[in-house]
Amino acid sequence: MAYVITDACISCGACEPECPVNCISAGDDIYVIDADTCIDCGACAGVCPVDAPQPE
């Protein structure tokens, strides 16, 4: 099960450098996670100030 970034994202970018497989990138309005690459480690969720990354 991959993580997804919800609409709560404030585009701070804290999650992107924490991803060990580099599956997070800036989208149009919020950051997005490539579900095919995500290894469900939760590193992004641990650093997000608004709890935007959630398990799918």
N, C-alpha and C. Protein backbone atom coordinates (compact mmCIF):
# COMPACT_ATOMS: atom_id res chain seq x y z
N MET A 1 0.84 -1.17 0.00
CA MET A 1 0.00 0.00 0.00
C MET A 1 0.90 1.25 0.00
N ALA A 2 0.74 2.08 -0.96
CA ALA A 2 1.54 3.29 -1.08
C ALA A 2 0.93 4.43 -0.27
N TYR A 3 1.73 5.44 -0.04
CA TYR A 3 1.24 6.66 0.59
C TYR A 3 0.74 7.60 -0.50
N VAL A 4 -0.20 8.47 -0.14
CA VAL A 4 -0.68 9.52 -1.02
C VAL A 4 -0.61 10.83 -0.24
N ILE A 5 -0.48 11.92 -0.94
CA ILE A 5 -0.47 13.23 -0.29
C ILE A 5 -1.84 13.86 -0.48
N THR A 6 -2.46 14.21 0.63
CA THR A 6 -3.82 14.75 0.61
C THR A 6 -3.80 16.25 0.28
N ASP A 7 -4.99 16.80 0.14
CA ASP A 7 -5.15 18.23 -0.14
C ASP A 7 -4.69 19.11 1.02
N ALA A 8 -4.37 18.51 2.14
CA ALA A 8 -3.87 19.28 3.28
C ALA A 8 -2.45 19.80 3.02
N CYS A 9 -1.79 19.29 2.00
CA CYS A 9 -0.41 19.67 1.65
C CYS A 9 -0.29 21.18 1.48
N ILE A 10 0.74 21.75 2.12
CA ILE A 10 1.01 23.19 2.00
C ILE A 10 2.23 23.46 1.12
N SER A 11 2.68 22.44 0.41
CA SER A 11 3.82 22.54 -0.52
C SER A 11 5.09 23.10 0.13
N CYS A 12 5.36 22.67 1.35
CA CYS A 12 6.57 23.13 2.04
C CYS A 12 7.82 22.41 1.56
N GLY A 13 7.65 21.20 1.01
CA GLY A 13 8.79 20.45 0.48
C GLY A 13 9.55 19.63 1.51
N ALA A 14 9.08 19.57 2.73
CA ALA A 14 9.79 18.82 3.78
C ALA A 14 9.87 17.33 3.46
N CYS A 15 8.88 16.80 2.80
CA CYS A 15 8.81 15.36 2.53
C CYS A 15 9.76 14.89 1.44
N GLU A 16 9.96 15.71 0.44
CA GLU A 16 10.70 15.29 -0.74
C GLU A 16 12.10 14.75 -0.43
N PRO A 17 12.92 15.46 0.33
CA PRO A 17 14.28 14.93 0.59
C PRO A 17 14.31 13.73 1.53
N GLU A 18 13.23 13.47 2.24
CA GLU A 18 13.18 12.34 3.17
C GLU A 18 12.90 11.01 2.49
N CYS A 19 12.36 11.03 1.28
CA CYS A 19 12.00 9.79 0.60
C CYS A 19 13.24 9.03 0.15
N PRO A 20 13.42 7.78 0.63
CA PRO A 20 14.62 7.02 0.27
C PRO A 20 14.62 6.51 -1.18
N VAL A 21 13.46 6.52 -1.84
CA VAL A 21 13.39 6.05 -3.23
C VAL A 21 13.05 7.17 -4.21
N ASN A 22 13.07 8.40 -3.74
CA ASN A 22 12.83 9.58 -4.58
C ASN A 22 11.54 9.51 -5.38
N CYS A 23 10.44 9.14 -4.72
CA CYS A 23 9.17 9.03 -5.44
C CYS A 23 8.27 10.24 -5.22
N ILE A 24 8.75 11.27 -4.51
CA ILE A 24 7.94 12.46 -4.24
C ILE A 24 8.44 13.61 -5.11
N SER A 25 7.50 14.29 -5.74
CA SER A 25 7.86 15.44 -6.57
C SER A 25 6.80 16.52 -6.45
N ALA A 26 7.16 17.73 -6.84
CA ALA A 26 6.22 18.84 -6.80
C ALA A 26 5.21 18.70 -7.92
N GLY A 27 3.94 18.77 -7.57
CA GLY A 27 2.88 18.73 -8.56
C GLY A 27 2.44 20.15 -8.87
N ASP A 28 1.30 20.30 -9.49
CA ASP A 28 0.79 21.62 -9.83
C ASP A 28 0.49 22.45 -8.58
N ASP A 29 -0.24 21.87 -7.63
CA ASP A 29 -0.62 22.60 -6.42
C ASP A 29 -0.04 22.00 -5.14
N ILE A 30 0.15 20.68 -5.15
CA ILE A 30 0.67 19.98 -3.98
C ILE A 30 1.74 18.98 -4.43
N TYR A 31 2.48 18.46 -3.48
CA TYR A 31 3.45 17.41 -3.81
C TYR A 31 2.71 16.12 -4.11
N VAL A 32 3.30 15.27 -4.92
CA VAL A 32 2.68 14.01 -5.30
C VAL A 32 3.66 12.86 -5.09
N ILE A 33 3.09 11.69 -4.84
CA ILE A 33 3.88 10.47 -4.64
C ILE A 33 3.59 9.51 -5.79
N ASP A 34 4.65 8.99 -6.40
CA ASP A 34 4.51 7.97 -7.44
C ASP A 34 4.22 6.64 -6.75
N ALA A 35 2.97 6.20 -6.82
CA ALA A 35 2.53 5.00 -6.12
C ALA A 35 3.28 3.74 -6.56
N ASP A 36 3.74 3.71 -7.79
CA ASP A 36 4.46 2.53 -8.29
C ASP A 36 5.86 2.42 -7.69
N THR A 37 6.40 3.54 -7.21
CA THR A 37 7.75 3.56 -6.66
C THR A 37 7.75 3.54 -5.13
N CYS A 38 6.69 4.05 -4.52
CA CYS A 38 6.60 4.16 -3.06
C CYS A 38 6.76 2.80 -2.40
N ILE A 39 7.60 2.75 -1.35
CA ILE A 39 7.84 1.50 -0.62
C ILE A 39 7.10 1.47 0.72
N ASP A 40 6.21 2.42 0.95
CA ASP A 40 5.36 2.45 2.14
C ASP A 40 6.17 2.53 3.43
N CYS A 41 7.24 3.33 3.42
CA CYS A 41 8.09 3.43 4.60
C CYS A 41 7.59 4.46 5.61
N GLY A 42 6.84 5.46 5.14
CA GLY A 42 6.30 6.47 6.04
C GLY A 42 7.25 7.59 6.41
N ALA A 43 8.42 7.64 5.80
CA ALA A 43 9.39 8.69 6.12
C ALA A 43 8.81 10.08 5.84
N CYS A 44 8.04 10.19 4.78
CA CYS A 44 7.43 11.47 4.41
C CYS A 44 6.43 11.92 5.48
N ALA A 45 5.64 10.98 5.98
CA ALA A 45 4.63 11.30 6.99
C ALA A 45 5.27 11.78 8.29
N GLY A 46 6.44 11.27 8.59
CA GLY A 46 7.12 11.63 9.82
C GLY A 46 7.61 13.05 9.89
N VAL A 47 7.81 13.67 8.73
CA VAL A 47 8.34 15.04 8.72
C VAL A 47 7.32 16.09 8.30
N CYS A 48 6.16 15.67 7.85
CA CYS A 48 5.15 16.61 7.35
C CYS A 48 4.50 17.38 8.51
N PRO A 49 4.53 18.72 8.43
CA PRO A 49 3.94 19.51 9.52
C PRO A 49 2.40 19.50 9.55
N VAL A 50 1.76 19.05 8.46
CA VAL A 50 0.30 19.04 8.41
C VAL A 50 -0.28 17.64 8.19
N ASP A 51 0.54 16.61 8.33
CA ASP A 51 0.10 15.21 8.17
C ASP A 51 -0.57 14.95 6.83
N ALA A 52 -0.05 15.55 5.76
CA ALA A 52 -0.64 15.37 4.43
C ALA A 52 -0.38 13.98 3.84
N PRO A 53 0.81 13.39 4.00
CA PRO A 53 1.00 12.02 3.47
C PRO A 53 0.24 11.02 4.34
N GLN A 54 -0.60 10.23 3.70
CA GLN A 54 -1.41 9.24 4.40
C GLN A 54 -1.33 7.92 3.65
N PRO A 55 -1.44 6.78 4.38
CA PRO A 55 -1.49 5.49 3.68
C PRO A 55 -2.71 5.45 2.77
N GLU A 56 -2.54 4.91 1.58
CA GLU A 56 -3.64 4.85 0.61
C GLU A 56 -4.71 3.88 1.05
